Protein backbone atom coordinates (compact mmCIF):
# COMPACT_ATOMS: atom_id res chain seq x y z
CA UNK A 1 103.13 170.09 212.37
CA UNK A 2 102.99 170.01 216.17
CA UNK A 3 105.97 168.26 217.74
CA UNK A 4 106.39 167.34 221.40
CA UNK A 5 110.01 166.52 222.25
CA UNK A 6 109.94 163.81 224.90
CA UNK A 7 113.32 163.43 226.60
CA UNK A 8 113.94 160.26 228.63
CA UNK A 9 115.99 161.19 231.70
CA UNK A 10 114.73 158.95 234.51
CA UNK A 11 117.58 156.43 234.69
CA UNK A 12 119.77 156.10 237.77
CA UNK A 13 123.02 156.03 235.83
CA UNK A 14 124.51 153.52 238.27
CA UNK A 15 127.69 153.11 236.21
CA UNK A 16 128.54 156.77 236.81
CA UNK A 17 129.11 155.81 240.48
CA UNK A 18 127.55 159.04 241.70
CA UNK A 19 124.46 160.36 243.50
CA UNK A 20 124.15 163.07 240.84
CA UNK A 21 121.64 162.41 238.04
CA UNK A 22 123.46 161.17 234.96
CA UNK A 23 121.97 163.75 232.60
CA UNK A 24 123.42 166.58 234.72
CA UNK A 25 127.00 165.47 234.20
CA UNK A 26 128.85 168.00 232.07
CA UNK A 27 130.21 167.15 228.64
CA UNK A 28 132.50 169.83 227.21
CA UNK A 29 131.35 172.44 229.68
CA UNK A 30 127.60 171.88 229.79
CA UNK A 31 125.21 169.29 231.30
CA UNK A 32 124.28 166.64 228.77
CA UNK A 33 120.58 167.33 228.97
CA UNK A 34 121.15 170.94 227.86
CA UNK A 35 122.45 169.76 224.50
CA UNK A 36 119.38 167.59 224.01
CA UNK A 37 116.97 170.40 224.95
CA UNK A 38 118.74 172.80 222.58
CA UNK A 39 118.70 170.29 219.73
CA UNK A 40 114.97 169.69 220.26
CA UNK A 41 114.23 173.39 220.04
CA UNK A 42 116.42 173.90 217.00
CA UNK A 43 114.78 171.09 215.03
CA UNK A 44 111.30 172.53 215.48
CA UNK A 45 109.79 171.07 218.63
CA UNK A 46 107.23 173.49 220.05
CA UNK A 47 107.15 171.86 223.49
CA UNK A 48 109.54 169.79 225.62
CA UNK A 49 108.58 167.23 228.24
CA UNK A 50 111.23 165.45 230.31
CA UNK A 51 110.56 162.08 231.92
CA UNK A 52 112.33 162.17 235.27
CA UNK A 53 112.86 159.59 238.00
CA UNK A 54 116.14 159.26 239.85
CA UNK A 55 117.28 162.69 241.05
CA UNK A 56 114.05 164.23 239.79
CA UNK A 57 114.22 167.40 241.87
CA UNK A 58 117.78 168.15 240.82
CA UNK A 59 116.86 167.79 237.16
CA UNK A 60 113.79 169.99 237.58
CA UNK A 61 115.81 172.67 239.38
CA UNK A 62 118.43 172.74 236.64
CA UNK A 63 116.04 172.72 233.68
CA UNK A 64 113.56 175.15 235.22
CA UNK A 65 110.95 176.56 232.85
CA UNK A 66 112.55 175.21 229.70
CA UNK A 67 110.41 172.07 229.90
CA UNK A 68 107.46 170.31 231.51
CA UNK A 69 108.04 167.11 233.48
CA UNK A 70 106.54 163.65 233.85
CA UNK A 71 107.56 161.32 236.67
CA UNK A 72 108.41 157.66 236.14
CA UNK A 73 107.88 156.21 239.61
CA UNK A 74 109.75 152.94 239.00
CA UNK A 75 112.27 152.27 236.26
CA UNK A 76 110.61 149.41 234.38
CA UNK A 77 111.98 150.04 230.91
CA UNK A 78 111.84 152.60 228.13
CA UNK A 79 108.22 151.90 227.13
CA UNK A 80 107.16 152.46 230.72
CA UNK A 81 109.12 155.75 230.70
CA UNK A 82 107.18 156.99 227.67
CA UNK A 83 103.88 155.90 229.21
CA UNK A 84 104.73 158.03 232.25
CA UNK A 85 104.18 161.00 229.91
CA UNK A 86 100.96 159.63 228.39
CA UNK A 87 98.84 162.53 229.64
CA UNK A 88 101.26 165.09 228.19
CA UNK A 89 101.29 163.23 224.87
CA UNK A 90 97.48 163.13 224.68
CA UNK A 91 97.17 166.78 225.58
CA UNK A 92 99.73 167.93 223.01
CA UNK A 93 98.61 165.70 220.14
CA UNK A 94 100.47 165.85 216.84
CA UNK A 95 103.81 164.03 216.75
CA UNK A 96 106.27 162.92 219.43
CA UNK A 97 110.03 163.11 219.01
CA UNK A 98 111.56 160.77 221.59
CA UNK A 99 115.12 161.62 222.61
CA UNK A 100 117.57 160.34 225.21
CA UNK A 101 118.86 162.74 227.85
CA UNK A 102 122.30 161.12 227.87
CA UNK A 103 123.05 161.63 224.15
CA UNK A 104 124.67 165.08 223.86
CA UNK A 105 126.24 164.51 220.44
CA UNK A 106 123.12 164.36 218.26
CA UNK A 107 123.13 167.29 215.83
CA UNK A 108 120.00 169.33 215.29
CA UNK A 109 120.45 169.07 211.53
CA UNK A 110 120.35 165.26 211.83
CA UNK A 111 117.03 165.49 213.65
CA UNK A 112 115.67 167.89 211.02
CA UNK A 113 116.55 165.41 208.26
CA UNK A 114 115.01 162.58 210.24
CA UNK A 115 111.74 164.43 210.87
CA UNK A 116 111.42 165.41 207.21
CA UNK A 117 111.84 161.80 206.10
CA UNK A 118 109.73 160.33 208.90
CA UNK A 119 106.70 162.63 208.90
CA UNK A 120 104.79 160.46 206.40
CA UNK A 121 105.20 157.34 208.59
CA UNK A 122 103.24 156.63 211.78
CA UNK A 123 106.30 155.21 213.60
CA UNK A 124 109.93 155.87 212.72
CA UNK A 125 113.29 155.60 214.41
CA UNK A 126 116.92 156.40 213.62
CA UNK A 127 119.32 153.55 212.96
CA UNK A 128 123.02 153.65 212.21
CA UNK A 129 125.70 151.13 211.25
CA UNK A 130 128.51 150.93 213.79
CA UNK A 131 131.90 149.28 214.01
CA UNK A 132 131.16 147.69 217.39
CA UNK A 133 127.45 146.99 217.99
CA UNK A 134 127.97 145.37 221.40
CA UNK A 135 125.38 146.49 223.93
CA UNK A 136 122.99 148.02 221.41
CA UNK A 137 119.65 146.81 220.08
CA UNK A 138 120.08 145.29 216.59
CA UNK A 139 117.79 146.19 213.69
CA UNK A 140 116.50 142.97 212.15
CA UNK A 141 115.32 143.41 208.56
CA UNK A 142 113.32 141.15 206.29
CA UNK A 143 112.74 140.88 202.58
CA UNK A 144 113.07 144.17 200.70
CA UNK A 145 114.84 145.73 203.66
CA UNK A 146 111.71 146.17 205.76
CA UNK A 147 112.15 146.36 209.53
CA UNK A 148 110.92 143.23 211.32
CA UNK A 149 111.96 144.07 214.88
CA UNK A 150 114.64 145.49 217.12
CA UNK A 151 116.27 142.90 219.36
CA UNK A 152 118.18 143.92 222.49
CA UNK A 153 121.67 142.55 223.19
CA UNK A 154 120.55 140.24 226.00
CA UNK A 155 117.74 138.78 223.89
CA UNK A 156 119.71 138.41 220.64
CA UNK A 157 120.87 135.09 219.23
CA UNK A 158 124.43 134.69 217.94
CA UNK A 159 123.38 135.43 214.36
CA UNK A 160 121.55 138.58 215.39
CA UNK A 161 124.54 139.78 217.40
CA UNK A 162 126.53 139.92 214.17
CA UNK A 163 124.23 142.65 212.78
CA UNK A 164 125.96 146.04 212.85
CA UNK A 165 122.87 148.20 212.25
CA UNK A 166 121.70 149.40 215.63
CA UNK A 167 118.79 151.33 217.10
CA UNK A 168 119.83 154.77 218.39
CA UNK A 169 116.85 155.17 220.71
CA UNK A 170 115.46 158.18 218.84
CA UNK A 171 111.86 157.88 217.56
CA UNK A 172 109.33 160.04 215.74
CA UNK A 173 105.73 158.89 216.04
CA UNK A 174 102.16 160.01 215.63
CA UNK A 175 100.89 160.49 219.18
CA UNK A 176 97.78 158.31 218.90
CA UNK A 177 99.65 155.47 217.18
CA UNK A 178 102.43 155.59 219.76
CA UNK A 179 100.06 155.33 222.71
CA UNK A 180 98.04 152.59 221.03
CA UNK A 181 101.11 150.45 220.40
CA UNK A 182 102.50 151.07 223.87
CA UNK A 183 99.29 149.66 225.35
CA UNK A 184 100.23 146.25 223.89
CA UNK A 185 103.91 146.16 224.93
CA UNK A 186 104.73 143.34 227.35
CA UNK A 187 107.75 142.44 229.47
CA UNK A 188 108.48 138.93 228.19
CA UNK A 189 112.24 139.40 227.73
CA UNK A 190 115.57 138.76 229.44
CA UNK A 191 115.30 141.86 231.63
CA UNK A 192 111.56 141.66 232.39
CA UNK A 193 111.22 145.25 231.23
CA UNK A 194 108.82 147.06 228.91
CA UNK A 195 110.90 147.82 225.82
CA UNK A 196 110.04 150.82 223.66
CA UNK A 197 111.65 148.93 220.78
CA UNK A 198 108.62 146.60 220.69
CA UNK A 199 106.50 149.30 219.02
CA UNK A 200 108.31 148.68 215.72
CA UNK A 201 107.01 145.09 215.47
CA UNK A 202 103.79 146.41 213.94
CA UNK A 203 105.73 148.23 211.24
CA UNK A 204 108.20 151.11 211.29
CA UNK A 205 110.43 153.22 209.08
CA UNK A 206 114.14 153.18 209.90
CA UNK A 207 116.00 156.37 208.95
CA UNK A 208 119.61 155.31 208.51
CA UNK A 209 122.01 157.98 209.78
CA UNK A 210 125.58 158.25 208.52
CA UNK A 211 127.72 159.26 211.50
CA UNK A 212 127.77 156.78 214.37
CA UNK A 213 129.63 159.23 216.64
CA UNK A 214 126.44 161.29 217.03
CA UNK A 215 124.68 158.49 218.86
CA UNK A 216 127.11 157.69 221.64
CA UNK A 217 125.04 157.12 224.75
CA UNK A 218 126.88 158.08 227.92
CA UNK A 219 126.64 155.35 230.55
CA UNK A 220 129.93 155.84 232.41
CA UNK A 221 132.68 158.40 232.87
CA UNK A 222 134.79 156.93 230.09
CA UNK A 223 131.99 157.55 227.61
CA UNK A 224 131.44 161.00 229.15
CA UNK A 225 135.05 161.90 228.35
CA UNK A 226 134.67 160.47 224.84
CA UNK A 227 131.58 162.62 224.21
CA UNK A 228 133.41 165.73 225.42
CA UNK A 229 136.29 165.03 223.05
CA UNK A 230 133.88 164.89 220.12
CA UNK A 231 132.19 168.14 221.12
CA UNK A 232 135.45 170.03 221.69
CA UNK A 233 136.83 168.80 218.40
CA UNK A 234 133.67 169.88 216.56
CA UNK A 235 134.12 173.36 218.01
CA UNK A 236 137.78 173.41 217.03
CA UNK A 237 136.91 172.56 213.42
CA UNK A 238 134.12 175.16 213.39
CA UNK A 239 136.52 177.89 214.55
CA UNK A 240 139.15 176.77 212.04
CA UNK A 241 136.60 177.07 209.24
CA UNK A 242 135.99 180.65 210.43
CA UNK A 243 139.67 181.61 210.21
CA UNK A 244 141.02 180.68 213.65
CA UNK A 245 144.35 178.82 213.81
CA UNK A 246 143.90 175.98 216.30
CA UNK A 247 147.34 174.36 216.43
CA UNK A 248 146.12 171.08 217.93
CA UNK A 249 142.38 170.33 217.69
CA UNK A 250 142.85 167.30 219.97
CA UNK A 251 143.81 169.55 222.90
CA UNK A 252 141.44 172.47 222.27
CA UNK A 253 138.85 173.06 224.98
CA UNK A 254 136.31 175.84 224.46
CA UNK A 255 132.85 176.07 225.95
CA UNK A 256 129.92 176.70 223.62
CA UNK A 257 129.46 180.34 224.69
CA UNK A 258 133.01 181.35 223.77
CA UNK A 259 133.51 183.52 220.67
CA UNK A 260 136.81 183.63 218.76
CA UNK A 261 137.37 186.00 215.85
CA UNK A 262 139.41 185.23 212.75
CA UNK A 263 143.20 185.55 212.54
CA UNK A 264 143.66 184.45 216.14
CA UNK A 265 146.00 181.65 217.14
CA UNK A 266 145.26 179.09 219.85
CA UNK A 267 148.14 176.92 221.08
CA UNK A 268 147.70 173.39 222.50
CA UNK A 269 146.15 172.80 225.93
CA UNK A 270 144.14 176.01 226.19
CA UNK A 271 140.82 175.96 228.08
CA UNK A 272 138.33 178.72 227.27
CA UNK A 273 135.68 178.33 229.93
CA UNK A 274 132.34 180.12 229.92
CA UNK A 275 131.52 183.22 227.91
CA UNK A 276 134.78 184.56 226.47
CA UNK A 277 135.45 186.85 223.52
CA UNK A 278 138.86 186.49 221.85
CA UNK A 279 139.31 189.20 219.25
CA UNK A 280 141.23 189.17 215.97
CA UNK A 281 145.01 189.02 215.93
CA UNK A 282 145.38 187.68 219.46
CA UNK A 283 147.51 184.69 220.44
CA UNK A 284 146.70 182.38 223.36
CA UNK A 285 149.69 180.19 224.24
CA UNK A 286 149.79 176.77 225.90
CA UNK A 287 148.47 176.03 229.35
CA UNK A 288 146.16 179.06 229.66
CA UNK A 289 142.74 178.94 231.30
CA UNK A 290 140.47 181.88 230.51
CA UNK A 291 137.00 182.27 232.03
CA UNK A 292 134.27 184.81 231.17
CA UNK A 293 136.78 187.36 229.88
CA UNK A 294 137.45 189.68 226.94
CA UNK A 295 140.77 189.47 225.15
CA UNK A 296 140.88 192.43 222.79
CA UNK A 297 142.66 192.71 219.44
CA UNK A 298 146.34 191.83 218.98
CA UNK A 299 146.98 190.62 222.51
CA UNK A 300 149.51 187.99 223.50
CA UNK A 301 148.58 185.71 226.39
CA UNK A 302 151.75 183.81 227.16
CA UNK A 303 152.05 180.31 228.62
CA UNK A 304 150.28 179.16 231.78
CA UNK A 305 148.14 182.21 232.57
CA UNK A 306 144.88 182.12 234.54
CA UNK A 307 142.41 184.87 233.61
CA UNK A 308 138.94 185.16 235.17
CA UNK A 309 136.20 187.78 234.61
CA UNK A 310 138.69 190.30 233.28
CA UNK A 311 139.31 192.54 230.29
CA UNK A 312 142.62 192.59 228.46
CA UNK A 313 142.80 195.68 226.26
CA UNK A 314 144.13 195.78 222.70
CA UNK A 315 147.85 195.31 222.18
CA UNK A 316 148.50 193.97 225.68
CA UNK A 317 150.86 191.22 226.79
CA UNK A 318 150.11 188.95 229.74
CA UNK A 319 152.39 186.35 231.29
CA UNK A 320 153.90 183.88 231.30
CA UNK A 321 152.47 182.54 234.54
CA UNK A 322 150.31 185.54 235.45
CA UNK A 323 146.91 185.58 237.14
CA UNK A 324 144.21 188.14 236.39
CA UNK A 325 141.45 187.75 238.95
CA UNK A 326 137.88 189.08 238.67
CA UNK A 327 137.54 192.79 238.13
CA UNK A 328 140.87 193.28 236.37
CA UNK A 329 140.76 195.76 233.48
CA UNK A 330 143.75 196.42 231.25
CA UNK A 331 142.87 199.44 229.13
CA UNK A 332 145.36 198.59 226.38
CA UNK A 333 149.04 198.30 225.47
CA UNK A 334 149.70 196.96 228.95
CA UNK A 335 152.30 194.48 230.08
CA UNK A 336 151.59 192.06 232.90
CA UNK A 337 154.62 189.83 233.32
CA UNK A 338 155.54 186.57 235.01
CA UNK A 339 154.20 185.91 238.52
CA UNK A 340 152.05 189.05 238.57
CA UNK A 341 148.62 188.80 240.22
CA UNK A 342 145.87 191.38 239.86
CA UNK A 343 142.41 191.65 241.46
CA UNK A 344 139.90 194.48 240.98
CA UNK A 345 142.72 196.44 239.40
CA UNK A 346 142.33 198.91 236.52
CA UNK A 347 145.51 199.73 234.59
CA UNK A 348 145.47 202.67 232.21
CA UNK A 349 146.87 202.72 228.70
CA UNK A 350 150.52 201.72 228.52
CA UNK A 351 151.00 200.86 232.20
CA UNK A 352 153.01 197.78 233.09
CA UNK A 353 153.94 195.44 235.91
CA UNK A 354 156.61 193.16 234.55
CA UNK A 355 157.20 190.64 237.33
CA UNK A 356 156.60 189.41 240.86
CA UNK A 357 153.86 191.85 241.82
CA UNK A 358 150.44 191.91 243.49
CA UNK A 359 147.96 194.65 242.53
CA UNK A 360 144.63 194.40 244.36
CA UNK A 361 141.85 196.99 244.65
CA UNK A 362 143.91 199.44 242.65
CA UNK A 363 143.21 202.25 240.19
CA UNK A 364 146.32 202.86 238.11
CA UNK A 365 146.62 205.60 235.50
CA UNK A 366 148.40 205.74 232.15
CA UNK A 367 152.10 205.04 231.54
CA UNK A 368 152.76 203.83 235.08
CA UNK A 369 155.74 201.54 235.73
CA UNK A 370 155.27 199.10 238.60
CA UNK A 371 158.62 197.72 239.76
CA UNK A 372 159.42 194.12 240.64
CA UNK A 373 158.13 192.96 244.02
CA UNK A 374 155.52 195.70 244.46
CA UNK A 375 152.51 195.00 246.65
CA UNK A 376 149.31 196.94 247.24
CA UNK A 377 148.51 196.14 250.87
CA UNK A 378 144.75 196.31 250.46
CA UNK A 379 143.48 194.25 253.40
CA UNK A 380 143.88 194.90 257.12
CA UNK A 381 142.22 191.66 258.21
CA UNK A 382 138.75 193.20 258.33
CA UNK A 383 138.22 195.55 255.36
CA UNK A 384 139.58 196.12 251.86
CA UNK A 385 141.01 199.52 250.83
CA UNK A 386 141.88 201.14 247.53
CA UNK A 387 145.21 202.30 246.10
CA UNK A 388 145.17 205.10 243.50
CA UNK A 389 148.24 205.68 241.34
CA UNK A 390 147.91 208.54 238.85
CA UNK A 391 149.44 208.90 235.36
CA UNK A 392 153.17 208.69 234.81
CA UNK A 393 154.15 207.40 238.25
CA UNK A 394 157.33 205.33 238.59
CA UNK A 395 157.19 202.71 241.33
CA UNK A 396 160.57 201.23 242.20
CA UNK A 397 161.22 197.61 243.12
CA UNK A 398 160.04 196.13 246.41
CA UNK A 399 157.58 198.90 247.29
CA UNK A 400 154.61 198.31 249.61
CA UNK A 401 151.65 200.66 249.25
CA UNK A 402 149.54 200.48 252.40
CA UNK A 403 146.00 201.38 251.34
CA UNK A 404 144.10 203.61 251.39
CA UNK A 405 146.74 205.71 249.68
CA UNK A 406 146.98 208.01 246.65
CA UNK A 407 150.09 208.65 244.56
CA UNK A 408 149.99 211.89 242.56
CA UNK A 409 150.78 212.29 238.87
CA UNK A 410 154.43 211.89 237.90
CA UNK A 411 155.65 210.92 241.39
CA UNK A 412 158.54 208.52 242.01
CA UNK A 413 158.48 205.91 244.76
CA UNK A 414 161.99 204.82 245.66
CA UNK A 415 162.87 201.11 245.76
CA UNK A 416 162.34 199.41 249.09
CA UNK A 417 159.88 201.99 250.41
CA UNK A 418 156.77 201.38 252.47
CA UNK A 419 154.27 204.06 251.50
CA UNK A 420 151.65 204.79 254.18
CA UNK A 421 150.61 208.34 253.25
CA UNK A 422 149.45 210.12 250.12
CA UNK A 423 152.27 211.35 247.85
CA UNK A 424 151.81 214.67 246.01
CA UNK A 425 152.39 214.83 242.25
CA UNK A 426 155.94 215.24 240.94
CA UNK A 427 157.37 214.15 244.31
CA UNK A 428 159.94 211.62 245.44
CA UNK A 429 158.77 209.38 248.27
CA UNK A 430 161.33 207.28 250.12
CA UNK A 431 161.27 205.38 253.40
CA UNK A 432 164.60 203.75 254.27
CA UNK A 433 166.67 203.10 257.37
CA UNK A 434 170.06 204.84 257.31
CA UNK A 435 172.74 202.67 255.73
CA UNK A 436 175.89 202.18 257.80
CA UNK A 437 179.21 200.72 256.58
CA UNK A 438 181.80 199.34 259.03
CA UNK A 439 185.03 198.72 257.13
CA UNK A 440 187.04 195.63 258.11
CA UNK A 441 184.21 194.34 260.31
CA UNK A 442 183.97 190.93 258.63
CA UNK A 443 187.63 190.01 259.18
CA UNK A 444 187.50 191.07 262.83
CA UNK A 445 184.35 189.04 263.35
CA UNK A 446 185.85 185.91 261.77
CA UNK A 447 189.04 186.18 263.80
CA UNK A 448 187.06 186.51 267.01
CA UNK A 449 185.03 183.42 266.12
CA UNK A 450 188.18 181.39 265.37
CA UNK A 451 189.81 182.32 268.68
CA UNK A 452 186.81 181.07 270.55
CA UNK A 453 187.14 177.53 269.18
């Protein structure tokens, strides 16, 4: 069975109060239209055509080669939107699955069930019973439960407004029947628009879905946030079923590309953005934001850490309140403590920087201790330079390493030193002004001050 997925995405989305096309607004980390395209592909559509209008070029640029496009010149209703793709429908033949580009919550398995039930009918649509039908088209049934018509909110009488079975806007039709019926649709209604719902007047099958939350159409930013909550919660439940402990599913935020292995623990208010891998036995505590990173086995990411495009090796501890910037690699069993920032820094097995440190453009060996307040001075205002610290080096507190500089294996850098030259292995490097002590100086100074008053 040939299926063309026709996605309606031409609306202006005026209630979003934005110049950006509505379907490109992100819900739970991804533009809404991406969810619809993915669902269409998963349920068996062999081609996708998107009806565009407002913001057409932006939508085309984002979607790229994943779909073909039809342009609706003027927004004159949903039937007019489908007719804008009439040539594509004729050319494809077979069946048309009509979807809405602002409905990111529809599951592919729901569409599969719908198509299976609807394939023997020339025109079908999905309906669902909702708690609050306000704003939706009501499904009016006759004797024996047959569908008589769909009436829009503005055209409904008071009795019809009490109906809680609504039209979701998703249709499955034989191409030739669809185009034939569309040719007879008029605009004699409260909005003077050409309603797609009018095609059911000549007979249609209504596939009644069970979960109304799947069919939330996003018309404003409140509904956008509601859709994201549903998607994030679905992901939380999916991970929990796979053995992940999500302590609070209501405050779990993970993008679709993120992978989390079993026996991990995710605290409240964690955001896993982009393509992350969190391996077994690791714990991510509250307030962390992790982007496009690998957290290896049995790591502890303490509260309020920001990790981007980095690797945290097995058995490592990060934070609290640490930042790993792009290019950071912790080889394993590392400790990055509070208020430590790293950037393009590689730390060998067992090395640690426990607090108040900046390590940028650095190559650090195994079992290196970086003291509190250490800074790699990697930038001279024009160029970046590299610091190399070999295995077993001990860096005292408040040390500045002015790159480019190399510290040899097993060396010791004394606290308070500014290191501007290479240090050979097994050496002590120390740069300090001579300390002088003047006994009794404070009392003499105070007495002199008092006499002057």
